[in-house]
Amino acid sequence: MRKTLITSITAGTMALFLLSACAKDGNDSESTNEPVTAKEKTVAEAVDHAGSIMDQPVNFSTPEEVEKSLQKVREQEGDKALKNLESAMKFVLYYDLSLKGDKENLYRKLDGKTPDQIIAMMER
């Protein structure tokens, strides 16, 4: 009797944890109307890239365009900004399970976003 009770309680608890994990994951939508957090505001205010390449949408439609966009970032913002952007892209590729580790899916997801938005995805 106790064994089945403990097993039932354990299974129920695990189901609740999985349900809450799925619910939290489901709230992370790709909508562009997401509210901006205070951290993102301070980052945007602290780093003023008015009119820079970091505020312009990237073209990730083809692998050649990806290379051109990354080269523009290197030329206009430097190696440090490029490394930060590439690091953010690797982070998103690894931790976004919907991409399934596929770079083409990553490029589709990031196409049209600004480098600052991509970096902000890593910082969440």
N, C-alpha and C. Protein backbone atom coordinates (compact mmCIF):
# COMPACT_ATOMS: atom_id res chain seq x y z
N MET A 1 0.82 -1.19 0.00
CA MET A 1 0.00 0.00 0.00
C MET A 1 0.87 1.26 0.00
N ARG A 2 1.88 1.28 0.87
CA ARG A 2 2.75 2.44 0.94
C ARG A 2 3.56 2.61 -0.34
N LYS A 3 3.99 1.48 -0.91
CA LYS A 3 4.78 1.54 -2.13
C LYS A 3 3.99 2.18 -3.26
N THR A 4 2.74 1.80 -3.44
CA THR A 4 1.93 2.36 -4.51
C THR A 4 1.61 3.83 -4.23
N LEU A 5 1.43 4.19 -2.96
CA LEU A 5 1.17 5.58 -2.61
C LEU A 5 2.39 6.45 -2.92
N ILE A 6 3.55 5.99 -2.53
CA ILE A 6 4.78 6.74 -2.79
C ILE A 6 5.04 6.84 -4.29
N THR A 7 4.79 5.76 -5.00
CA THR A 7 4.97 5.76 -6.45
C THR A 7 4.00 6.74 -7.11
N SER A 8 2.76 6.76 -6.66
CA SER A 8 1.77 7.67 -7.22
C SER A 8 2.13 9.13 -6.94
N ILE A 9 2.57 9.42 -5.73
CA ILE A 9 2.95 10.78 -5.37
C ILE A 9 4.17 11.22 -6.19
N THR A 10 5.14 10.34 -6.34
CA THR A 10 6.33 10.66 -7.12
C THR A 10 5.96 10.92 -8.57
N ALA A 11 5.13 10.07 -9.15
CA ALA A 11 4.72 10.25 -10.55
C ALA A 11 3.94 11.56 -10.72
N GLY A 12 3.07 11.86 -9.78
CA GLY A 12 2.30 13.10 -9.85
C GLY A 12 3.18 14.33 -9.75
N THR A 13 4.15 14.28 -8.84
CA THR A 13 5.08 15.40 -8.67
C THR A 13 5.90 15.62 -9.94
N MET A 14 6.39 14.53 -10.51
CA MET A 14 7.18 14.64 -11.74
C MET A 14 6.33 15.20 -12.88
N ALA A 15 5.08 14.77 -12.95
CA ALA A 15 4.18 15.27 -13.99
C ALA A 15 3.95 16.77 -13.83
N LEU A 16 3.81 17.25 -12.60
CA LEU A 16 3.63 18.68 -12.36
C LEU A 16 4.86 19.47 -12.78
N PHE A 17 6.06 18.95 -12.47
CA PHE A 17 7.28 19.62 -12.88
C PHE A 17 7.40 19.69 -14.39
N LEU A 18 7.09 18.59 -15.06
CA LEU A 18 7.16 18.58 -16.52
C LEU A 18 6.12 19.51 -17.13
N LEU A 19 4.94 19.55 -16.54
CA LEU A 19 3.89 20.42 -17.04
C LEU A 19 4.29 21.89 -16.91
N SER A 20 4.87 22.23 -15.76
CA SER A 20 5.29 23.63 -15.57
C SER A 20 6.46 23.97 -16.49
N ALA A 21 7.35 23.02 -16.73
CA ALA A 21 8.46 23.27 -17.65
C ALA A 21 7.95 23.48 -19.07
N CYS A 22 6.98 22.71 -19.48
CA CYS A 22 6.40 22.87 -20.82
C CYS A 22 5.64 24.18 -20.92
N ALA A 23 4.97 24.57 -19.87
CA ALA A 23 4.22 25.82 -19.89
C ALA A 23 5.17 27.01 -19.99
N LYS A 24 6.28 26.98 -19.29
CA LYS A 24 7.26 28.06 -19.37
C LYS A 24 7.87 28.12 -20.76
N ASP A 25 8.13 26.97 -21.36
CA ASP A 25 8.70 26.91 -22.68
C ASP A 25 7.71 27.40 -23.72
N GLY A 26 6.44 27.14 -23.52
CA GLY A 26 5.41 27.56 -24.45
C GLY A 26 5.18 29.05 -24.44
N ASN A 27 5.51 29.74 -23.37
CA ASN A 27 5.34 31.19 -23.29
C ASN A 27 6.38 31.94 -24.11
N ASP A 28 7.46 31.29 -24.49
CA ASP A 28 8.53 31.92 -25.25
C ASP A 28 8.17 31.91 -26.73
N SER A 29 7.39 32.91 -27.14
CA SER A 29 6.96 32.96 -28.53
C SER A 29 7.92 33.80 -29.34
N GLU A 30 7.81 33.69 -30.66
CA GLU A 30 8.68 34.43 -31.53
C GLU A 30 8.04 35.72 -32.00
N SER A 31 7.01 36.18 -31.31
CA SER A 31 6.33 37.40 -31.75
C SER A 31 7.25 38.60 -31.58
N THR A 32 7.09 39.57 -32.46
CA THR A 32 7.93 40.76 -32.40
C THR A 32 7.35 41.79 -31.46
N ASN A 33 6.17 41.55 -30.91
CA ASN A 33 5.54 42.49 -30.00
C ASN A 33 5.82 42.16 -28.53
N GLU A 34 6.93 41.49 -28.28
CA GLU A 34 7.26 41.13 -26.91
C GLU A 34 7.64 42.38 -26.12
N PRO A 35 7.26 42.45 -24.87
CA PRO A 35 7.65 43.61 -24.07
C PRO A 35 9.16 43.60 -23.84
N VAL A 36 9.74 44.77 -23.82
CA VAL A 36 11.17 44.92 -23.61
C VAL A 36 11.43 44.94 -22.12
N THR A 37 12.36 44.10 -21.68
CA THR A 37 12.68 44.02 -20.26
C THR A 37 13.57 45.20 -19.87
N ALA A 38 13.67 45.42 -18.58
CA ALA A 38 14.49 46.52 -18.06
C ALA A 38 15.95 46.30 -18.41
N LYS A 39 16.39 45.05 -18.39
CA LYS A 39 17.78 44.74 -18.72
C LYS A 39 18.08 45.11 -20.17
N GLU A 40 17.16 44.78 -21.07
CA GLU A 40 17.35 45.11 -22.48
C GLU A 40 17.36 46.63 -22.69
N LYS A 41 16.53 47.35 -21.93
CA LYS A 41 16.50 48.80 -22.04
C LYS A 41 17.83 49.40 -21.61
N THR A 42 18.36 48.92 -20.49
CA THR A 42 19.62 49.48 -20.01
C THR A 42 20.76 49.12 -20.95
N VAL A 43 20.73 47.92 -21.52
CA VAL A 43 21.76 47.54 -22.48
C VAL A 43 21.67 48.44 -23.71
N ALA A 44 20.45 48.68 -24.17
CA ALA A 44 20.26 49.52 -25.35
C ALA A 44 20.66 50.96 -25.06
N GLU A 45 20.39 51.44 -23.87
CA GLU A 45 20.76 52.80 -23.52
C GLU A 45 22.26 52.93 -23.29
N ALA A 46 22.86 51.91 -22.69
CA ALA A 46 24.28 51.97 -22.38
C ALA A 46 25.12 51.92 -23.65
N VAL A 47 24.68 51.14 -24.61
CA VAL A 47 25.43 51.00 -25.86
C VAL A 47 24.64 51.73 -26.94
N ASP A 48 25.03 52.93 -27.24
CA ASP A 48 24.31 53.73 -28.22
C ASP A 48 24.91 53.47 -29.60
N HIS A 49 24.16 52.68 -30.40
CA HIS A 49 24.60 52.35 -31.75
C HIS A 49 23.72 53.06 -32.77
N ALA A 50 23.40 54.30 -32.54
CA ALA A 50 22.48 55.02 -33.42
C ALA A 50 23.00 54.99 -34.85
N GLY A 51 22.23 54.35 -35.73
CA GLY A 51 22.59 54.30 -37.13
C GLY A 51 23.69 53.31 -37.46
N SER A 52 24.10 52.51 -36.54
CA SER A 52 25.18 51.57 -36.81
C SER A 52 24.64 50.27 -37.40
N ILE A 53 25.53 49.43 -37.80
CA ILE A 53 25.17 48.13 -38.38
C ILE A 53 24.47 47.26 -37.34
N MET A 54 24.71 47.52 -36.07
CA MET A 54 24.12 46.71 -35.00
C MET A 54 22.62 46.94 -34.87
N ASP A 55 22.11 48.03 -35.46
CA ASP A 55 20.68 48.32 -35.41
C ASP A 55 19.98 48.03 -36.73
N GLN A 56 20.72 47.55 -37.72
CA GLN A 56 20.14 47.26 -39.02
C GLN A 56 19.87 45.77 -39.14
N PRO A 57 18.71 45.39 -39.70
CA PRO A 57 18.41 43.97 -39.85
C PRO A 57 19.43 43.27 -40.74
N VAL A 58 19.74 42.04 -40.37
CA VAL A 58 20.69 41.25 -41.15
C VAL A 58 19.94 40.44 -42.20
N ASN A 59 20.63 40.11 -43.27
CA ASN A 59 20.06 39.29 -44.33
C ASN A 59 20.68 37.90 -44.22
N PHE A 60 19.93 36.98 -43.68
CA PHE A 60 20.40 35.60 -43.53
C PHE A 60 19.64 34.67 -44.47
N SER A 61 19.25 35.16 -45.63
CA SER A 61 18.44 34.35 -46.54
C SER A 61 19.25 33.22 -47.18
N THR A 62 20.54 33.43 -47.42
CA THR A 62 21.41 32.39 -47.98
C THR A 62 22.72 32.39 -47.21
N PRO A 63 23.47 31.30 -47.27
CA PRO A 63 24.76 31.27 -46.57
C PRO A 63 25.72 32.37 -47.04
N GLU A 64 25.65 32.74 -48.32
CA GLU A 64 26.51 33.82 -48.83
C GLU A 64 26.13 35.15 -48.19
N GLU A 65 24.82 35.38 -48.04
CA GLU A 65 24.35 36.62 -47.41
C GLU A 65 24.72 36.66 -45.94
N VAL A 66 24.74 35.49 -45.29
CA VAL A 66 25.17 35.42 -43.89
C VAL A 66 26.61 35.91 -43.78
N GLU A 67 27.47 35.40 -44.66
CA GLU A 67 28.87 35.80 -44.64
C GLU A 67 29.03 37.30 -44.90
N LYS A 68 28.24 37.83 -45.85
CA LYS A 68 28.31 39.27 -46.14
C LYS A 68 27.88 40.09 -44.93
N SER A 69 26.80 39.65 -44.27
CA SER A 69 26.31 40.38 -43.10
C SER A 69 27.33 40.35 -41.97
N LEU A 70 27.94 39.19 -41.74
CA LEU A 70 28.95 39.08 -40.69
C LEU A 70 30.19 39.91 -41.04
N GLN A 71 30.53 39.95 -42.32
CA GLN A 71 31.67 40.76 -42.75
C GLN A 71 31.40 42.25 -42.53
N LYS A 72 30.16 42.68 -42.77
CA LYS A 72 29.80 44.09 -42.53
C LYS A 72 29.95 44.44 -41.05
N VAL A 73 29.53 43.51 -40.19
CA VAL A 73 29.67 43.75 -38.74
C VAL A 73 31.14 43.88 -38.39
N ARG A 74 31.98 43.01 -38.95
CA ARG A 74 33.42 43.07 -38.65
C ARG A 74 34.02 44.40 -39.13
N GLU A 75 33.65 44.82 -40.34
CA GLU A 75 34.22 46.04 -40.90
C GLU A 75 33.78 47.29 -40.13
N GLN A 76 32.51 47.34 -39.74
CA GLN A 76 31.99 48.56 -39.13
C GLN A 76 32.10 48.59 -37.61
N GLU A 77 32.04 47.44 -36.97
CA GLU A 77 32.05 47.42 -35.49
C GLU A 77 33.29 46.77 -34.90
N GLY A 78 34.02 45.99 -35.68
CA GLY A 78 35.25 45.38 -35.20
C GLY A 78 35.10 43.91 -34.85
N ASP A 79 36.24 43.31 -34.51
CA ASP A 79 36.28 41.88 -34.22
C ASP A 79 35.53 41.51 -32.94
N LYS A 80 35.57 42.40 -31.96
CA LYS A 80 34.90 42.11 -30.69
C LYS A 80 33.38 41.97 -30.88
N ALA A 81 32.80 42.87 -31.66
CA ALA A 81 31.36 42.81 -31.93
C ALA A 81 31.03 41.56 -32.74
N LEU A 82 31.89 41.21 -33.69
CA LEU A 82 31.66 40.02 -34.49
C LEU A 82 31.71 38.76 -33.62
N LYS A 83 32.70 38.68 -32.74
CA LYS A 83 32.81 37.51 -31.86
C LYS A 83 31.60 37.42 -30.94
N ASN A 84 31.12 38.56 -30.45
CA ASN A 84 29.94 38.58 -29.59
C ASN A 84 28.71 38.09 -30.36
N LEU A 85 28.55 38.53 -31.60
CA LEU A 85 27.44 38.10 -32.44
C LEU A 85 27.52 36.62 -32.76
N GLU A 86 28.70 36.14 -33.14
CA GLU A 86 28.86 34.72 -33.45
C GLU A 86 28.61 33.86 -32.21
N SER A 87 29.05 34.35 -31.07
CA SER A 87 28.80 33.62 -29.82
C SER A 87 27.30 33.53 -29.53
N ALA A 88 26.59 34.63 -29.77
CA ALA A 88 25.14 34.62 -29.57
C ALA A 88 24.46 33.66 -30.54
N MET A 89 24.93 33.62 -31.78
CA MET A 89 24.35 32.71 -32.76
C MET A 89 24.57 31.25 -32.35
N LYS A 90 25.77 30.94 -31.87
CA LYS A 90 26.06 29.58 -31.41
C LYS A 90 25.19 29.22 -30.21
N PHE A 91 25.00 30.17 -29.31
CA PHE A 91 24.17 29.96 -28.13
C PHE A 91 22.73 29.62 -28.54
N VAL A 92 22.18 30.42 -29.44
CA VAL A 92 20.81 30.19 -29.90
C VAL A 92 20.71 28.85 -30.62
N LEU A 93 21.69 28.53 -31.45
CA LEU A 93 21.68 27.26 -32.17
C LEU A 93 21.69 26.08 -31.20
N TYR A 94 22.46 26.20 -30.14
CA TYR A 94 22.59 25.09 -29.19
C TYR A 94 21.39 24.97 -28.25
N TYR A 95 20.90 26.09 -27.74
CA TYR A 95 19.88 26.05 -26.71
C TYR A 95 18.44 26.15 -27.22
N ASP A 96 18.23 26.55 -28.45
CA ASP A 96 16.88 26.59 -28.99
C ASP A 96 16.59 25.23 -29.61
N LEU A 97 15.83 24.42 -28.90
CA LEU A 97 15.58 23.05 -29.33
C LEU A 97 14.74 22.98 -30.59
N SER A 98 13.98 24.03 -30.88
CA SER A 98 13.16 24.01 -32.09
C SER A 98 14.02 24.04 -33.35
N LEU A 99 15.26 24.48 -33.25
CA LEU A 99 16.16 24.53 -34.41
C LEU A 99 16.77 23.18 -34.74
N LYS A 100 16.79 22.29 -33.78
CA LYS A 100 17.32 20.93 -33.94
C LYS A 100 18.78 20.93 -34.41
N GLY A 101 19.53 21.96 -34.01
CA GLY A 101 20.95 22.02 -34.35
C GLY A 101 21.23 22.30 -35.82
N ASP A 102 20.24 22.72 -36.59
CA ASP A 102 20.39 22.96 -38.02
C ASP A 102 20.65 24.44 -38.28
N LYS A 103 21.76 24.75 -38.95
CA LYS A 103 22.12 26.14 -39.20
C LYS A 103 21.13 26.82 -40.15
N GLU A 104 20.56 26.08 -41.08
CA GLU A 104 19.57 26.68 -41.99
C GLU A 104 18.35 27.16 -41.21
N ASN A 105 17.91 26.37 -40.23
CA ASN A 105 16.80 26.79 -39.37
C ASN A 105 17.19 28.02 -38.56
N LEU A 106 18.43 28.05 -38.10
CA LEU A 106 18.93 29.21 -37.35
C LEU A 106 18.88 30.46 -38.22
N TYR A 107 19.36 30.34 -39.45
CA TYR A 107 19.37 31.49 -40.35
C TYR A 107 17.96 31.98 -40.63
N ARG A 108 17.02 31.04 -40.81
CA ARG A 108 15.62 31.44 -41.03
C ARG A 108 15.06 32.19 -39.83
N LYS A 109 15.40 31.70 -38.63
CA LYS A 109 14.89 32.33 -37.41
C LYS A 109 15.48 33.72 -37.20
N LEU A 110 16.75 33.88 -37.53
CA LEU A 110 17.44 35.15 -37.27
C LEU A 110 17.33 36.14 -38.42
N ASP A 111 16.85 35.70 -39.57
CA ASP A 111 16.75 36.58 -40.74
C ASP A 111 15.83 37.76 -40.43
N GLY A 112 16.34 38.96 -40.63
CA GLY A 112 15.55 40.17 -40.39
C GLY A 112 15.73 40.75 -39.00
N LYS A 113 16.39 40.06 -38.11
CA LYS A 113 16.66 40.60 -36.78
C LYS A 113 17.94 41.42 -36.83
N THR A 114 18.08 42.33 -35.90
CA THR A 114 19.31 43.11 -35.82
C THR A 114 20.33 42.35 -34.98
N PRO A 115 21.62 42.63 -35.17
CA PRO A 115 22.62 41.97 -34.33
C PRO A 115 22.38 42.21 -32.83
N ASP A 116 21.90 43.40 -32.47
CA ASP A 116 21.60 43.66 -31.06
C ASP A 116 20.48 42.75 -30.55
N GLN A 117 19.47 42.50 -31.39
CA GLN A 117 18.38 41.60 -31.00
C GLN A 117 18.89 40.17 -30.84
N ILE A 118 19.80 39.75 -31.70
CA ILE A 118 20.35 38.41 -31.62
C ILE A 118 21.15 38.25 -30.33
N ILE A 119 21.93 39.26 -29.99
CA ILE A 119 22.72 39.22 -28.76
C ILE A 119 21.79 39.23 -27.54
N ALA A 120 20.70 39.97 -27.62
CA ALA A 120 19.73 40.01 -26.52
C ALA A 120 19.08 38.64 -26.33
N MET A 121 18.93 37.86 -27.40
CA MET A 121 18.37 36.52 -27.27
C MET A 121 19.27 35.64 -26.41
N MET A 122 20.57 35.86 -26.51
CA MET A 122 21.52 35.09 -25.73
C MET A 122 21.48 35.51 -24.26
N GLU A 123 21.23 36.77 -24.00
CA GLU A 123 21.28 37.29 -22.64
C GLU A 123 20.04 37.01 -21.82
N ARG A 124 18.99 36.49 -22.44
CA ARG A 124 17.76 36.18 -21.69
C ARG A 124 17.95 35.02 -20.80
